[in-house]
Amino acid sequence: NQLMVIRGYAQMNSNKIIEYIDEIVEDSNKAGSSYLISQLNNFPDGGIKGLLYYKLSIMEDENIKYSINVEKGVKTKLKTLSINNYKNITKILGVLLDNAIDASKKSKHKKINISVIKDKKNIVFKIYNTYKGKIDIEKVGTGYTSKGNGHGYGLRLVNDIVNENNMFEVTHELEDCYFVSNLKIKIEK
């Protein structure tokens, strides 16, 4: 039973995540929910999968249209990573997804697209989100924020992780009407 499997690894996180997951899995009226589950099953059980369920449910609450596409074979590559590196990926994705949700919920057309692609040496998470206003791409990740005092630390945390470990690379770009965050994970194989 898929729900039991999901519940199993969600208990590593919190009851709130379990509630969200129950809503997503049990509400079969939601368009594409089986497609969503099939995409998330392209991740190993644990951190990233649980995090994505949680963040996608927040997107639903915020009426953000989202899509997720995960290439086959990503699961196998991620399984080769150490627990510590896997945790760091989850931390980085948490920040990038929070920022994407924050920006897109302020925009006119609330949209987020997540794609995960791989080749022989890398896995790349690409998070596209709509946004409002102008973004100075040069200042992204420097601690600069348009959100006011007490914000802007998420990307600094990401930069700290990236600077300590040369297997991660995080870049940002503007593409059409989307802000794009890229997390590249170098897998030596």
N, C-alpha and C. Protein backbone atom coordinates (compact mmCIF):
# COMPACT_ATOMS: atom_id res chain seq x y z
N ASN A 1 0.85 -1.19 0.00
CA ASN A 1 0.00 0.00 0.00
C ASN A 1 0.88 1.24 0.00
N GLN A 2 0.69 2.05 -1.04
CA GLN A 2 1.54 3.23 -1.23
C GLN A 2 1.46 4.19 -0.04
N LEU A 3 0.26 4.35 0.50
CA LEU A 3 0.07 5.28 1.61
C LEU A 3 0.91 4.86 2.81
N MET A 4 0.99 3.55 3.07
CA MET A 4 1.78 3.07 4.22
C MET A 4 3.26 3.35 4.01
N VAL A 5 3.73 3.20 2.78
CA VAL A 5 5.14 3.47 2.47
C VAL A 5 5.43 4.95 2.71
N ILE A 6 4.53 5.80 2.20
CA ILE A 6 4.70 7.24 2.36
C ILE A 6 4.68 7.61 3.84
N ARG A 7 3.72 7.06 4.58
CA ARG A 7 3.63 7.33 6.02
C ARG A 7 4.92 6.92 6.73
N GLY A 8 5.49 5.79 6.31
CA GLY A 8 6.71 5.28 6.95
C GLY A 8 7.83 6.29 6.96
N TYR A 9 8.13 6.88 5.79
CA TYR A 9 9.25 7.81 5.80
C TYR A 9 8.84 9.19 6.26
N ALA A 10 7.53 9.50 6.21
CA ALA A 10 7.08 10.81 6.67
C ALA A 10 7.22 10.94 8.18
N GLN A 11 7.16 9.79 8.90
CA GLN A 11 7.26 9.86 10.35
C GLN A 11 8.63 10.34 10.82
N MET A 12 9.61 10.29 9.92
CA MET A 12 10.92 10.84 10.25
C MET A 12 10.80 12.37 10.38
N ASN A 13 9.79 12.95 9.77
CA ASN A 13 9.62 14.39 9.80
C ASN A 13 8.59 14.76 10.87
N SER A 14 7.39 15.16 10.48
CA SER A 14 6.45 15.58 11.52
C SER A 14 5.03 15.13 11.17
N ASN A 15 4.16 15.20 12.18
CA ASN A 15 2.76 14.82 11.97
C ASN A 15 2.10 15.69 10.92
N LYS A 16 2.54 16.95 10.85
CA LYS A 16 1.96 17.87 9.88
C LYS A 16 2.19 17.36 8.46
N ILE A 17 3.39 16.85 8.21
CA ILE A 17 3.69 16.31 6.88
C ILE A 17 2.79 15.12 6.59
N ILE A 18 2.59 14.27 7.59
CA ILE A 18 1.72 13.10 7.41
C ILE A 18 0.31 13.54 7.03
N GLU A 19 -0.19 14.58 7.71
CA GLU A 19 -1.53 15.10 7.39
C GLU A 19 -1.58 15.56 5.94
N TYR A 20 -0.57 16.34 5.52
CA TYR A 20 -0.52 16.83 4.15
C TYR A 20 -0.47 15.69 3.15
N ILE A 21 0.36 14.71 3.44
CA ILE A 21 0.52 13.58 2.53
C ILE A 21 -0.80 12.81 2.42
N ASP A 22 -1.47 12.62 3.56
CA ASP A 22 -2.77 11.94 3.54
C ASP A 22 -3.73 12.68 2.61
N GLU A 23 -3.73 14.02 2.72
CA GLU A 23 -4.63 14.82 1.88
C GLU A 23 -4.30 14.61 0.41
N ILE A 24 -3.02 14.69 0.07
CA ILE A 24 -2.61 14.57 -1.33
C ILE A 24 -2.93 13.18 -1.88
N VAL A 25 -2.58 12.16 -1.12
CA VAL A 25 -2.72 10.79 -1.61
C VAL A 25 -4.18 10.37 -1.66
N GLU A 26 -4.94 10.71 -0.63
CA GLU A 26 -6.32 10.23 -0.55
C GLU A 26 -7.27 11.01 -1.45
N ASP A 27 -6.92 12.24 -1.77
CA ASP A 27 -7.82 13.04 -2.59
C ASP A 27 -7.61 12.74 -4.06
N SER A 28 -8.20 11.65 -4.50
CA SER A 28 -7.99 11.21 -5.89
C SER A 28 -8.72 12.10 -6.88
N ASN A 29 -9.56 13.03 -6.38
CA ASN A 29 -10.25 13.94 -7.30
C ASN A 29 -9.31 14.97 -7.89
N LYS A 30 -8.18 15.19 -7.21
CA LYS A 30 -7.24 16.18 -7.72
C LYS A 30 -6.63 15.69 -9.02
N ALA A 31 -6.69 16.56 -10.02
CA ALA A 31 -6.17 16.18 -11.34
C ALA A 31 -4.69 15.85 -11.24
N GLY A 32 -4.34 14.75 -11.85
CA GLY A 32 -2.93 14.42 -11.96
C GLY A 32 -2.28 13.90 -10.71
N SER A 33 -3.06 13.55 -9.68
CA SER A 33 -2.42 13.11 -8.43
C SER A 33 -1.65 11.81 -8.63
N SER A 34 -2.14 10.92 -9.49
CA SER A 34 -1.40 9.67 -9.70
C SER A 34 -0.11 9.93 -10.49
N TYR A 35 -0.17 10.93 -11.40
CA TYR A 35 1.04 11.33 -12.13
C TYR A 35 2.06 11.91 -11.15
N LEU A 36 1.59 12.74 -10.23
CA LEU A 36 2.45 13.34 -9.22
C LEU A 36 3.15 12.25 -8.40
N ILE A 37 2.38 11.27 -7.96
CA ILE A 37 2.95 10.17 -7.17
C ILE A 37 3.98 9.41 -8.00
N SER A 38 3.67 9.18 -9.28
CA SER A 38 4.62 8.45 -10.12
C SER A 38 5.93 9.23 -10.27
N GLN A 39 5.84 10.56 -10.35
CA GLN A 39 7.05 11.38 -10.46
C GLN A 39 7.85 11.35 -9.15
N LEU A 40 7.16 11.46 -8.03
CA LEU A 40 7.86 11.46 -6.74
C LEU A 40 8.46 10.09 -6.43
N ASN A 41 7.90 9.06 -7.02
CA ASN A 41 8.47 7.72 -6.81
C ASN A 41 9.80 7.54 -7.55
N ASN A 42 10.19 8.54 -8.34
CA ASN A 42 11.50 8.52 -8.98
C ASN A 42 12.60 9.01 -8.03
N PHE A 43 12.23 9.26 -6.75
CA PHE A 43 13.21 9.59 -5.70
C PHE A 43 13.29 8.44 -4.72
N PRO A 44 14.44 8.28 -4.05
CA PRO A 44 14.49 7.28 -2.96
C PRO A 44 13.56 7.73 -1.83
N ASP A 45 13.11 6.77 -1.02
CA ASP A 45 12.31 7.13 0.15
C ASP A 45 13.15 7.99 1.07
N GLY A 46 12.51 8.94 1.72
CA GLY A 46 13.25 9.76 2.67
C GLY A 46 13.16 11.24 2.36
N GLY A 47 14.16 11.97 2.79
CA GLY A 47 14.16 13.43 2.82
C GLY A 47 13.57 14.16 1.64
N ILE A 48 14.14 13.97 0.46
CA ILE A 48 13.73 14.77 -0.70
C ILE A 48 12.27 14.50 -1.05
N LYS A 49 11.89 13.24 -1.04
CA LYS A 49 10.52 12.85 -1.39
C LYS A 49 9.52 13.48 -0.40
N GLY A 50 9.83 13.35 0.89
CA GLY A 50 8.96 13.93 1.92
C GLY A 50 8.88 15.44 1.80
N LEU A 51 10.04 16.08 1.57
CA LEU A 51 10.10 17.53 1.42
C LEU A 51 9.22 17.99 0.26
N LEU A 52 9.32 17.28 -0.87
CA LEU A 52 8.55 17.68 -2.05
C LEU A 52 7.05 17.51 -1.82
N TYR A 53 6.65 16.41 -1.19
CA TYR A 53 5.22 16.26 -0.86
C TYR A 53 4.74 17.46 -0.04
N TYR A 54 5.52 17.80 0.93
CA TYR A 54 5.18 18.90 1.85
C TYR A 54 5.08 20.23 1.09
N LYS A 55 6.09 20.54 0.30
CA LYS A 55 6.12 21.82 -0.42
C LYS A 55 5.04 21.88 -1.50
N LEU A 56 4.77 20.76 -2.17
CA LEU A 56 3.71 20.74 -3.18
C LEU A 56 2.34 20.97 -2.54
N SER A 57 2.17 20.47 -1.33
CA SER A 57 0.89 20.68 -0.65
C SER A 57 0.73 22.15 -0.25
N ILE A 58 1.84 22.81 0.10
CA ILE A 58 1.79 24.25 0.40
C ILE A 58 1.42 25.01 -0.88
N MET A 59 1.99 24.58 -2.02
CA MET A 59 1.65 25.22 -3.30
C MET A 59 0.15 25.09 -3.56
N GLU A 60 -0.41 23.93 -3.28
CA GLU A 60 -1.85 23.75 -3.47
C GLU A 60 -2.62 24.71 -2.57
N ASP A 61 -2.22 24.82 -1.30
CA ASP A 61 -2.88 25.74 -0.37
C ASP A 61 -2.82 27.19 -0.85
N GLU A 62 -1.72 27.55 -1.52
CA GLU A 62 -1.51 28.92 -1.99
C GLU A 62 -2.06 29.14 -3.41
N ASN A 63 -2.74 28.10 -3.95
CA ASN A 63 -3.29 28.15 -5.32
C ASN A 63 -2.22 28.43 -6.37
N ILE A 64 -1.05 27.85 -6.17
CA ILE A 64 0.03 27.95 -7.15
C ILE A 64 -0.08 26.74 -8.07
N LYS A 65 -0.12 26.98 -9.38
CA LYS A 65 -0.12 25.86 -10.33
C LYS A 65 1.30 25.31 -10.39
N TYR A 66 1.42 24.00 -10.33
CA TYR A 66 2.77 23.43 -10.33
C TYR A 66 2.83 22.20 -11.21
N SER A 67 4.06 21.88 -11.61
CA SER A 67 4.30 20.61 -12.30
C SER A 67 5.65 20.10 -11.84
N ILE A 68 5.81 18.80 -11.91
CA ILE A 68 7.09 18.20 -11.55
C ILE A 68 7.40 17.08 -12.53
N ASN A 69 8.62 17.08 -13.04
CA ASN A 69 9.06 16.05 -13.98
C ASN A 69 10.42 15.54 -13.53
N VAL A 70 10.49 14.25 -13.27
CA VAL A 70 11.73 13.65 -12.78
C VAL A 70 12.15 12.56 -13.75
N GLU A 71 13.35 12.68 -14.29
CA GLU A 71 13.85 11.67 -15.23
C GLU A 71 14.07 10.33 -14.54
N LYS A 72 13.79 9.29 -15.26
CA LYS A 72 14.08 7.94 -14.75
C LYS A 72 15.58 7.82 -14.49
N GLY A 73 15.94 7.09 -13.46
CA GLY A 73 17.35 6.89 -13.17
C GLY A 73 17.90 7.84 -12.11
N VAL A 74 17.12 8.88 -11.77
CA VAL A 74 17.56 9.83 -10.73
C VAL A 74 17.66 9.11 -9.39
N LYS A 75 16.69 8.24 -9.11
CA LYS A 75 16.66 7.51 -7.83
C LYS A 75 17.96 6.72 -7.62
N THR A 76 18.35 5.97 -8.65
CA THR A 76 19.56 5.14 -8.56
C THR A 76 20.78 6.00 -8.27
N LYS A 77 20.90 7.14 -8.97
CA LYS A 77 22.05 8.02 -8.78
C LYS A 77 22.05 8.63 -7.37
N LEU A 78 20.89 9.06 -6.90
CA LEU A 78 20.80 9.67 -5.56
C LEU A 78 21.15 8.66 -4.47
N LYS A 79 20.82 7.39 -4.71
CA LYS A 79 21.09 6.35 -3.70
C LYS A 79 22.59 6.14 -3.48
N THR A 80 23.42 6.62 -4.40
CA THR A 80 24.87 6.43 -4.24
C THR A 80 25.48 7.47 -3.30
N LEU A 81 24.70 8.49 -2.91
CA LEU A 81 25.23 9.58 -2.08
C LEU A 81 25.29 9.21 -0.61
N SER A 82 26.19 9.87 0.10
CA SER A 82 26.27 9.67 1.56
C SER A 82 25.04 10.32 2.20
N ILE A 83 24.71 9.89 3.42
CA ILE A 83 23.56 10.44 4.16
C ILE A 83 23.74 11.96 4.32
N ASN A 84 24.97 12.37 4.63
CA ASN A 84 25.24 13.79 4.86
C ASN A 84 24.99 14.62 3.60
N ASN A 85 25.45 14.12 2.45
CA ASN A 85 25.21 14.83 1.20
C ASN A 85 23.73 14.87 0.85
N TYR A 86 23.05 13.77 1.12
CA TYR A 86 21.61 13.71 0.85
C TYR A 86 20.87 14.74 1.71
N LYS A 87 21.29 14.86 2.99
CA LYS A 87 20.69 15.86 3.89
C LYS A 87 20.95 17.27 3.38
N ASN A 88 22.17 17.51 2.88
CA ASN A 88 22.50 18.83 2.35
C ASN A 88 21.65 19.18 1.13
N ILE A 89 21.41 18.20 0.27
CA ILE A 89 20.54 18.43 -0.89
C ILE A 89 19.15 18.83 -0.41
N THR A 90 18.65 18.12 0.60
CA THR A 90 17.32 18.41 1.14
C THR A 90 17.26 19.83 1.71
N LYS A 91 18.32 20.25 2.43
CA LYS A 91 18.38 21.61 2.98
C LYS A 91 18.37 22.66 1.87
N ILE A 92 19.19 22.44 0.84
CA ILE A 92 19.27 23.39 -0.27
C ILE A 92 17.92 23.49 -0.98
N LEU A 93 17.32 22.33 -1.28
CA LEU A 93 16.03 22.33 -1.97
C LEU A 93 14.95 23.01 -1.12
N GLY A 94 15.01 22.81 0.19
CA GLY A 94 14.04 23.45 1.09
C GLY A 94 14.07 24.96 0.93
N VAL A 95 15.27 25.53 0.93
CA VAL A 95 15.43 26.99 0.78
C VAL A 95 14.96 27.44 -0.61
N LEU A 96 15.42 26.74 -1.65
CA LEU A 96 15.07 27.13 -3.03
C LEU A 96 13.55 27.06 -3.26
N LEU A 97 12.92 26.01 -2.71
CA LEU A 97 11.47 25.87 -2.87
C LEU A 97 10.71 26.92 -2.06
N ASP A 98 11.18 27.22 -0.85
CA ASP A 98 10.54 28.28 -0.05
C ASP A 98 10.59 29.61 -0.79
N ASN A 99 11.75 29.92 -1.36
CA ASN A 99 11.91 31.17 -2.11
C ASN A 99 11.00 31.19 -3.33
N ALA A 100 10.90 30.04 -4.03
CA ALA A 100 10.04 29.96 -5.22
C ALA A 100 8.58 30.16 -4.85
N ILE A 101 8.15 29.55 -3.75
CA ILE A 101 6.76 29.68 -3.29
C ILE A 101 6.48 31.13 -2.91
N ASP A 102 7.40 31.72 -2.16
CA ASP A 102 7.28 33.11 -1.72
C ASP A 102 7.12 34.07 -2.89
N ALA A 103 7.97 33.90 -3.89
CA ALA A 103 7.95 34.80 -5.05
C ALA A 103 6.72 34.57 -5.91
N SER A 104 6.38 33.31 -6.15
CA SER A 104 5.28 33.06 -7.09
C SER A 104 3.93 33.41 -6.49
N LYS A 105 3.78 33.31 -5.17
CA LYS A 105 2.46 33.64 -4.60
C LYS A 105 2.18 35.15 -4.66
N LYS A 106 3.24 35.95 -4.87
CA LYS A 106 3.05 37.40 -5.02
C LYS A 106 2.82 37.79 -6.48
N SER A 107 3.06 36.84 -7.40
CA SER A 107 2.98 37.16 -8.83
C SER A 107 1.54 37.00 -9.34
N LYS A 108 1.30 37.53 -10.53
CA LYS A 108 -0.04 37.48 -11.11
C LYS A 108 -0.41 36.05 -11.50
N HIS A 109 0.48 35.39 -12.24
CA HIS A 109 0.23 34.01 -12.67
C HIS A 109 1.09 33.10 -11.79
N LYS A 110 0.51 32.57 -10.75
CA LYS A 110 1.26 31.77 -9.76
C LYS A 110 1.62 30.41 -10.35
N LYS A 111 2.90 30.24 -10.71
CA LYS A 111 3.31 28.96 -11.31
C LYS A 111 4.70 28.57 -10.82
N ILE A 112 4.87 27.26 -10.58
CA ILE A 112 6.18 26.70 -10.26
C ILE A 112 6.33 25.40 -11.05
N ASN A 113 7.48 25.25 -11.69
CA ASN A 113 7.77 23.99 -12.37
C ASN A 113 9.08 23.46 -11.82
N ILE A 114 9.08 22.18 -11.47
CA ILE A 114 10.29 21.53 -10.96
C ILE A 114 10.67 20.45 -11.95
N SER A 115 11.91 20.49 -12.42
CA SER A 115 12.36 19.39 -13.28
C SER A 115 13.69 18.87 -12.75
N VAL A 116 13.85 17.56 -12.81
CA VAL A 116 15.07 16.92 -12.33
C VAL A 116 15.61 16.07 -13.47
N ILE A 117 16.80 16.44 -13.93
CA ILE A 117 17.39 15.74 -15.06
C ILE A 117 18.75 15.18 -14.65
N LYS A 118 19.22 14.22 -15.42
CA LYS A 118 20.51 13.62 -15.07
C LYS A 118 21.28 13.26 -16.33
N ASP A 119 22.61 13.22 -16.16
CA ASP A 119 23.44 12.63 -17.19
C ASP A 119 24.42 11.71 -16.46
N LYS A 120 25.50 11.32 -17.13
CA LYS A 120 26.42 10.36 -16.49
C LYS A 120 27.04 10.90 -15.21
N LYS A 121 27.29 12.22 -15.16
CA LYS A 121 28.05 12.78 -14.03
C LYS A 121 27.24 13.66 -13.09
N ASN A 122 26.07 14.10 -13.50
CA ASN A 122 25.34 15.09 -12.71
C ASN A 122 23.85 14.79 -12.59
N ILE A 123 23.28 15.33 -11.51
CA ILE A 123 21.83 15.44 -11.39
C ILE A 123 21.57 16.94 -11.27
N VAL A 124 20.59 17.46 -11.99
CA VAL A 124 20.28 18.88 -11.91
C VAL A 124 18.79 19.06 -11.56
N PHE A 125 18.56 19.76 -10.43
CA PHE A 125 17.22 20.18 -10.06
C PHE A 125 17.03 21.59 -10.61
N LYS A 126 15.98 21.80 -11.39
CA LYS A 126 15.68 23.13 -11.92
C LYS A 126 14.31 23.54 -11.38
N ILE A 127 14.27 24.68 -10.70
CA ILE A 127 13.01 25.17 -10.14
C ILE A 127 12.69 26.49 -10.82
N TYR A 128 11.59 26.51 -11.59
CA TYR A 128 11.14 27.71 -12.30
C TYR A 128 9.99 28.30 -11.50
N ASN A 129 10.03 29.61 -11.25
CA ASN A 129 8.87 30.23 -10.61
C ASN A 129 8.58 31.60 -11.20
N THR A 130 7.29 31.95 -11.21
CA THR A 130 6.91 33.31 -11.62
C THR A 130 7.24 34.25 -10.46
N TYR A 131 7.32 35.53 -10.77
CA TYR A 131 7.65 36.51 -9.74
C TYR A 131 7.06 37.86 -10.12
N LYS A 132 7.07 38.79 -9.17
CA LYS A 132 6.52 40.13 -9.40
C LYS A 132 7.67 41.12 -9.34
N GLY A 133 7.62 42.13 -10.18
CA GLY A 133 8.62 43.20 -10.11
C GLY A 133 9.91 42.84 -10.82
N LYS A 134 11.00 43.48 -10.37
CA LYS A 134 12.30 43.27 -11.01
C LYS A 134 13.23 42.53 -10.04
N ILE A 135 14.09 41.70 -10.60
CA ILE A 135 15.09 40.97 -9.80
C ILE A 135 16.47 41.38 -10.29
N ASP A 136 17.32 41.79 -9.35
CA ASP A 136 18.72 42.06 -9.70
C ASP A 136 19.47 40.74 -9.54
N ILE A 137 19.66 40.04 -10.66
CA ILE A 137 20.25 38.69 -10.64
C ILE A 137 21.66 38.71 -10.06
N GLU A 138 22.35 39.83 -10.18
CA GLU A 138 23.72 39.95 -9.64
C GLU A 138 23.75 39.87 -8.12
N LYS A 139 22.66 40.31 -7.48
CA LYS A 139 22.64 40.37 -6.01
C LYS A 139 22.07 39.11 -5.36
N VAL A 140 21.50 38.22 -6.16
CA VAL A 140 20.87 37.01 -5.61
C VAL A 140 21.93 36.16 -4.91
N GLY A 141 21.64 35.79 -3.64
CA GLY A 141 22.55 34.91 -2.90
C GLY A 141 23.63 35.63 -2.13
N THR A 142 23.60 36.97 -2.15
CA THR A 142 24.64 37.72 -1.43
C THR A 142 24.16 38.17 -0.05
N GLY A 143 22.93 37.78 0.30
CA GLY A 143 22.35 38.25 1.56
C GLY A 143 21.43 39.42 1.31
N TYR A 144 21.50 39.99 0.10
CA TYR A 144 20.58 41.06 -0.31
C TYR A 144 19.17 40.46 -0.37
N THR A 145 18.19 41.24 0.06
CA THR A 145 16.81 40.78 -0.06
C THR A 145 15.89 41.97 -0.27
N SER A 146 14.82 41.73 -0.98
CA SER A 146 13.80 42.77 -1.15
C SER A 146 12.70 42.59 -0.10
N LYS A 147 12.88 41.61 0.79
CA LYS A 147 11.82 41.28 1.75
C LYS A 147 11.92 42.07 3.05
N GLY A 148 12.98 42.86 3.25
CA GLY A 148 13.13 43.62 4.49
C GLY A 148 14.02 42.90 5.48
N ASN A 149 14.20 43.51 6.65
CA ASN A 149 15.10 42.97 7.68
C ASN A 149 14.68 41.58 8.13
N GLY A 150 15.68 40.76 8.46
CA GLY A 150 15.38 39.43 8.98
C GLY A 150 15.18 38.39 7.89
N HIS A 151 15.36 38.80 6.64
CA HIS A 151 15.21 37.86 5.52
C HIS A 151 16.52 37.79 4.75
N GLY A 152 16.57 36.92 3.75
CA GLY A 152 17.74 36.82 2.88
C GLY A 152 18.80 35.86 3.38
N TYR A 153 18.50 35.16 4.50
CA TYR A 153 19.51 34.26 5.07
C TYR A 153 19.48 32.87 4.45
N GLY A 154 18.35 32.50 3.86
CA GLY A 154 18.22 31.17 3.27
C GLY A 154 19.28 30.90 2.23
N LEU A 155 19.44 31.84 1.30
CA LEU A 155 20.43 31.64 0.23
C LEU A 155 21.85 31.72 0.77
N ARG A 156 22.03 32.44 1.88
CA ARG A 156 23.36 32.46 2.49
C ARG A 156 23.70 31.09 3.06
N LEU A 157 22.69 30.44 3.68
CA LEU A 157 22.87 29.07 4.18
C LEU A 157 23.22 28.14 3.02
N VAL A 158 22.51 28.30 1.90
CA VAL A 158 22.79 27.50 0.70
C VAL A 158 24.23 27.73 0.26
N ASN A 159 24.65 29.00 0.21
CA ASN A 159 26.02 29.32 -0.21
C ASN A 159 27.05 28.69 0.72
N ASP A 160 26.77 28.66 2.02
CA ASP A 160 27.68 28.03 2.98
C ASP A 160 27.85 26.55 2.66
N ILE A 161 26.74 25.86 2.40
CA ILE A 161 26.80 24.42 2.08
C ILE A 161 27.59 24.21 0.78
N VAL A 162 27.30 25.05 -0.22
CA VAL A 162 27.95 24.93 -1.53
C VAL A 162 29.46 25.19 -1.41
N ASN A 163 29.82 26.20 -0.60
CA ASN A 163 31.24 26.55 -0.44
C ASN A 163 32.03 25.48 0.29
N GLU A 164 31.34 24.71 1.16
CA GLU A 164 32.02 23.66 1.92
C GLU A 164 32.12 22.35 1.13
N ASN A 165 31.37 22.23 0.06
CA ASN A 165 31.32 20.96 -0.66
C ASN A 165 31.28 21.20 -2.17
N ASN A 166 32.36 20.86 -2.85
CA ASN A 166 32.43 21.18 -4.28
C ASN A 166 31.59 20.26 -5.17
N MET A 167 30.81 19.36 -4.56
CA MET A 167 29.93 18.54 -5.40
C MET A 167 28.62 19.26 -5.72
N PHE A 168 28.35 20.38 -5.03
CA PHE A 168 27.12 21.14 -5.28
C PHE A 168 27.43 22.46 -5.98
N GLU A 169 26.55 22.83 -6.88
CA GLU A 169 26.65 24.13 -7.54
C GLU A 169 25.24 24.69 -7.65
N VAL A 170 25.05 25.92 -7.17
CA VAL A 170 23.73 26.55 -7.26
C VAL A 170 23.86 27.82 -8.09
N THR A 171 23.03 27.93 -9.11
CA THR A 171 23.04 29.12 -9.96
C THR A 171 21.59 29.60 -10.14
N HIS A 172 21.47 30.87 -10.50
CA HIS A 172 20.15 31.47 -10.72
C HIS A 172 20.18 32.21 -12.05
N GLU A 173 19.05 32.21 -12.73
CA GLU A 173 18.96 32.94 -13.99
C GLU A 173 17.51 33.38 -14.20
N LEU A 174 17.34 34.31 -15.12
CA LEU A 174 16.00 34.72 -15.52
C LEU A 174 15.76 34.16 -16.91
N GLU A 175 14.62 33.50 -17.08
CA GLU A 175 14.31 32.87 -18.36
C GLU A 175 12.86 33.17 -18.70
N ASP A 176 12.63 33.90 -19.78
CA ASP A 176 11.28 34.38 -20.12
C ASP A 176 10.70 35.09 -18.91
N CYS A 177 9.56 34.66 -18.42
CA CYS A 177 8.97 35.34 -17.26
C CYS A 177 9.19 34.53 -15.98
N TYR A 178 10.21 33.69 -15.98
CA TYR A 178 10.49 32.85 -14.82
C TYR A 178 11.85 33.16 -14.20
N PHE A 179 11.90 33.05 -12.87
CA PHE A 179 13.16 33.03 -12.14
C PHE A 179 13.52 31.55 -12.03
N VAL A 180 14.74 31.19 -12.35
CA VAL A 180 15.13 29.78 -12.36
C VAL A 180 16.28 29.57 -11.38
N SER A 181 16.10 28.62 -10.46
CA SER A 181 17.17 28.20 -9.56
C SER A 181 17.63 26.82 -10.00
N ASN A 182 18.92 26.65 -10.13
CA ASN A 182 19.48 25.37 -10.54
C ASN A 182 20.38 24.81 -9.43
N LEU A 183 20.11 23.59 -9.05
CA LEU A 183 21.00 22.88 -8.11
C LEU A 183 21.63 21.74 -8.89
N LYS A 184 22.95 21.84 -9.10
CA LYS A 184 23.68 20.80 -9.82
C LYS A 184 24.45 19.97 -8.80
N ILE A 185 24.25 18.65 -8.85
CA ILE A 185 24.93 17.72 -7.95
C ILE A 185 25.87 16.88 -8.80
N LYS A 186 27.17 16.99 -8.50
CA LYS A 186 28.14 16.22 -9.28
C LYS A 186 28.27 14.84 -8.66
N ILE A 187 27.98 13.84 -9.44
CA ILE A 187 28.06 12.46 -8.96
C ILE A 187 29.26 11.82 -9.65
N GLU A 188 30.25 11.48 -8.87
CA GLU A 188 31.45 10.86 -9.47
C GLU A 188 31.21 9.37 -9.66
N LYS A 189 31.05 8.96 -10.89
CA LYS A 189 30.86 7.53 -11.17
C LYS A 189 31.49 7.19 -12.49
